[in-house]
C-alpha atoms as a PDB file:
ATOM      1  CA  MET A   1      14.333  -2.444  -8.476  1.00  0.00           C
ATOM      2  CA  GLU A   2      11.634  -3.097  -5.787  1.00  0.00           C
ATOM      3  CA  LYS A   3       8.613  -1.113  -7.376  1.00  0.00           C
ATOM      4  CA  TYR A   4       6.509  -2.372  -3.468  1.00  0.00           C
ATOM      5  CA  LEU A   5       6.909  -3.999  -0.283  1.00  0.00           C
ATOM      6  CA  ILE A   6       3.885  -6.791   1.247  1.00  0.00           C
ATOM      7  CA  ASN A   7       3.839  -7.192   4.889  1.00  0.00           C
ATOM      8  CA  ASP A   8       1.129  -8.931   7.044  1.00  0.00           C
ATOM      9  CA  LEU A   9      -1.620  -7.111   8.879  1.00  0.00           C
ATOM     10  CA  ASN A  10      -4.084  -9.139  10.427  1.00  0.00           C
ATOM     11  CA  ILE A  11      -6.044  -6.299  11.731  1.00  0.00           C
ATOM     12  CA  SER A  12      -9.643  -4.924  10.334  1.00  0.00           C
ATOM     13  CA  GLY A  13     -10.355  -8.068   8.091  1.00  0.00           C
ATOM     14  CA  TYR A  14      -6.995  -7.323   6.117  1.00  0.00           C
ATOM     15  CA  LYS A  15      -4.383  -9.902   6.231  1.00  0.00           C
ATOM     16  CA  LYS A  16      -1.302  -7.833   4.436  1.00  0.00           C
ATOM     17  CA  ILE A  17      -0.252  -4.173   3.259  1.00  0.00           C
ATOM     18  CA  ILE A  18       0.753  -3.940   0.938  1.00  0.00           C
ATOM     19  CA  THR A  19       3.000  -0.540  -0.293  1.00  0.00           C
ATOM     20  CA  LEU A  20       3.463   0.848  -3.489  1.00  0.00           C
ATOM     21  CA  LEU A  21       6.703   2.518  -3.822  1.00  0.00           C
ATOM     22  CA  ASP A  22       7.380   3.898  -7.499  1.00  0.00           C
ATOM     23  CA  TYR A  23       5.789   6.690  -8.325  1.00  0.00           C
ATOM     24  CA  ARG A  24       7.043   6.734 -11.859  1.00  0.00           C
ATOM     25  CA  GLU A  25       5.107   3.191 -11.861  1.00  0.00           C
ATOM     26  CA  LYS A  26       1.166   2.708 -12.936  1.00  0.00           C
ATOM     27  CA  ILE A  27      -0.691   2.208 -10.187  1.00  0.00           C
ATOM     28  CA  SER A  28      -3.070  -0.570 -11.750  1.00  0.00           C
ATOM     29  CA  ALA A  29       0.093  -1.739 -14.057  1.00  0.00           C
ATOM     30  CA  CYS A  30       2.314  -2.234 -10.518  1.00  0.00           C
ATOM     31  CA  LEU A  31      -1.125  -4.467  -9.195  1.00  0.00           C
ATOM     32  CA  LYS A  32      -2.103  -5.970 -12.099  1.00  0.00           C
ATOM     33  CA  GLU A  33       1.507  -7.743 -12.128  1.00  0.00           C
ATOM     34  CA  LEU A  34       1.406  -8.462  -7.967  1.00  0.00           C
ATOM     35  CA  LYS A  35       1.090 -12.371  -7.263  1.00  0.00           C
ATOM     36  CA  LEU A  36       0.568 -13.847  -3.409  1.00  0.00           C
ATOM     37  CA  LEU A  37       0.503 -17.195  -2.400  1.00  0.00           C
ATOM     38  CA  SER A  38      -2.566 -18.602  -4.420  1.00  0.00           C
ATOM     39  CA  THR A  39      -3.205 -20.458  -1.000  1.00  0.00           C
ATOM     40  CA  PHE A  40      -3.675 -17.230   0.311  1.00  0.00           C
ATOM     41  CA  ARG A  41      -7.827 -15.734   0.109  1.00  0.00           C
ATOM     42  CA  GLY A  42      -8.848 -12.617   2.474  1.00  0.00           C
ATOM     43  CA  LYS A  43      -7.957  -9.530   1.769  1.00  0.00           C
ATOM     44  CA  VAL A  44      -5.233  -7.426   0.952  1.00  0.00           C
ATOM     45  CA  LEU A  45      -4.998  -3.303   2.369  1.00  0.00           C
ATOM     46  CA  VAL A  46      -2.412  -1.725  -0.905  1.00  0.00           C
ATOM     47  CA  ASP A  47      -0.655   1.845   0.376  1.00  0.00           C
ATOM     48  CA  THR A  48      -0.696   4.141  -2.287  1.00  0.00           C
ATOM     49  CA  ALA A  49       0.682   7.295  -0.455  1.00  0.00           C
ATOM     50  CA  LEU A  50       3.918   7.487  -1.863  1.00  0.00           C
ATOM     51  CA  VAL A  51       2.865   7.380  -5.765  1.00  0.00           C
ATOM     52  CA  SER A  52      -0.473   8.951  -5.105  1.00  0.00           C
ATOM     53  CA  GLY A  53      -0.234  10.939  -2.221  1.00  0.00           C
ATOM     54  CA  ILE A  54      -1.715  11.275   1.560  1.00  0.00           C
ATOM     55  CA  ASN A  55      -5.253  12.061   0.636  1.00  0.00           C
ATOM     56  CA  SER A  56      -8.242   9.993   0.658  1.00  0.00           C
ATOM     57  CA  TYR A  57      -7.039   7.931  -2.335  1.00  0.00           C
ATOM     58  CA  ARG A  58      -4.450   7.072  -0.506  1.00  0.00           C
ATOM     59  CA  PHE A  59      -5.425   3.177   1.092  1.00  0.00           C
ATOM     60  CA  ILE A  60      -7.766   0.680  -1.898  1.00  0.00           C
ATOM     61  CA  GLU A  61      -9.585  -2.554  -0.197  1.00  0.00           C
ATOM     62  CA  ILE A  62      -8.378  -5.601  -2.998  1.00  0.00           C
ATOM     63  CA  GLU A  63      -9.871  -8.904  -2.111  1.00  0.00           C
ATOM     64  CA  VAL A  64      -7.627 -11.794  -4.029  1.00  0.00           C
ATOM     65  CA  ASN A  65      -8.429 -14.059  -6.570  1.00  0.00           C
ATOM     66  CA  LYS A  66      -7.850 -17.679  -5.992  1.00  0.00           C
ATOM     67  CA  ASP A  67      -4.539 -17.679  -8.247  1.00  0.00           C
ATOM     68  CA  GLY A  68      -3.377 -14.857  -5.562  1.00  0.00           C
ATOM     69  CA  SER A  69      -3.784 -11.880  -8.741  1.00  0.00           C
ATOM     70  CA  LEU A  70      -5.238  -8.613  -7.203  1.00  0.00           C
ATOM     71  CA  ASN A  71      -9.280  -8.841  -8.627  1.00  0.00           C
ATOM     72  CA  LEU A  72      -9.386  -5.328  -9.608  1.00  0.00           C
ATOM     73  CA  ASN A  73     -12.497  -5.862 -11.050  1.00  0.00           C
ATOM     74  CA  ASN A  74     -13.612  -5.287  -7.478  1.00  0.00           C
ATOM     75  CA  TYR A  75     -12.219  -2.325  -5.605  1.00  0.00           C
ATOM     76  CA  SER A  76     -12.563   0.416  -3.309  1.00  0.00           C
ATOM     77  CA  TYR A  77     -11.378   3.547  -1.119  1.00  0.00           C
ATOM     78  CA  SER A  78     -10.501   2.844   2.528  1.00  0.00           C
ATOM     79  CA  GLU A  79     -10.602   4.926   5.452  1.00  0.00           C
ATOM     80  CA  VAL A  80      -8.978   2.673   8.225  1.00  0.00           C
ATOM     81  CA  ASN A  81      -8.449   3.343  12.162  1.00  0.00           C
ATOM     82  CA  LYS A  82      -5.664   4.416  14.024  1.00  0.00           C
ATOM     83  CA  ASP A  83      -3.822   1.132  14.094  1.00  0.00           C
ATOM     84  CA  ILE A  84      -3.646   0.582  10.213  1.00  0.00           C
ATOM     85  CA  LEU A  85      -2.785   4.115  10.222  1.00  0.00           C
ATOM     86  CA  LYS A  86       0.092   3.995  12.319  1.00  0.00           C
ATOM     87  CA  ILE A  87       0.921   0.452  10.937  1.00  0.00           C
ATOM     88  CA  ALA A  88       1.204   1.970   7.294  1.00  0.00           C
ATOM     89  CA  ASN A  89       3.547   4.904   8.445  1.00  0.00           C
ATOM     90  CA  SER A  90       6.172   2.848  10.523  1.00  0.00           C
ATOM     91  CA  ILE A  91       6.654   0.768   6.811  1.00  0.00           C
ATOM     92  CA  ILE A  92       7.308   3.833   4.986  1.00  0.00           C
ATOM     93  CA  LYS A  93       9.547   5.851   7.614  1.00  0.00           C
ATOM     94  CA  LYS A  94      11.795   2.371   7.333  1.00  0.00           C
ATOM     95  CA  GLU A  95      11.672   3.234   3.608  1.00  0.00           C
ATOM     96  CA  PRO A  96      13.765   6.966   3.753  1.00  0.00           C
ATOM     97  CA  VAL A  97      14.641   6.607  -0.138  1.00  0.00           C
ATOM     98  CA  TRP A  98      11.523   6.139  -1.563  1.00  0.00           C
ATOM     99  CA  LEU A  99      10.083   8.310   0.681  1.00  0.00           C
ATOM    100  CA  LYS A 100      13.111  10.803  -0.650  1.00  0.00           C
ATOM    101  CA  ASN A 101      11.832  10.368  -3.823  1.00  0.00           C
ATOM    102  CA  SER A 102       7.519  10.292  -3.827  1.00  0.00           C
ATOM    103  CA  ILE A 103       5.502  12.966  -4.471  1.00  0.00           C
ATOM    104  CA  LEU A 104       4.570  13.963  -1.794  1.00  0.00           C
ATOM    105  CA  THR A 105       5.196  17.456  -0.451  1.00  0.00           C
ATOM    106  CA  ASN A 106       8.805  18.708   2.136  1.00  0.00           C
ATOM    107  CA  SER A 107       6.180  19.119   4.868  1.00  0.00           C
ATOM    108  CA  GLN A 108       3.822  15.314   3.915  1.00  0.00           C
ATOM    109  CA  LYS A 109       7.986  13.633   4.084  1.00  0.00           C
ATOM    110  CA  GLU A 110       9.900  14.916   7.163  1.00  0.00           C
ATOM    111  CA  LEU A 111       6.141  13.748   9.291  1.00  0.00           C
ATOM    112  CA  LEU A 112       6.060  10.441   7.717  1.00  0.00           C
ATOM    113  CA  ALA A 113      10.442  10.300   8.218  1.00  0.00           C
ATOM    114  CA  THR A 114       9.621  10.967  12.471  1.00  0.00           C
ATOM    115  CA  TYR A 115       6.580   9.415  13.350  1.00  0.00           C
END
């Protein structure tokens, strides 16, 4: 079963957006096992909306280590612009089963489903 999705972003210095899907999985555990290609360099944006809610902790900015793992010792919560928010919401909208089974309130689920 998928625990996350990885999509290209290439906006505001972020090369990828990683959308966490399963609220039953601890965020830190999921991020520890996630690995990108070792040739990948740059920052990624992690969207935790489905697992931690739509709040100021929704987006996490993380650098990628040389081995492709995420540098969990150096991350920050990030506010994103409208373009990134639109992309993040459209990714979630395409995952109706995960959206339905997320921790979001019914009104938040309906909002994202119709985005």
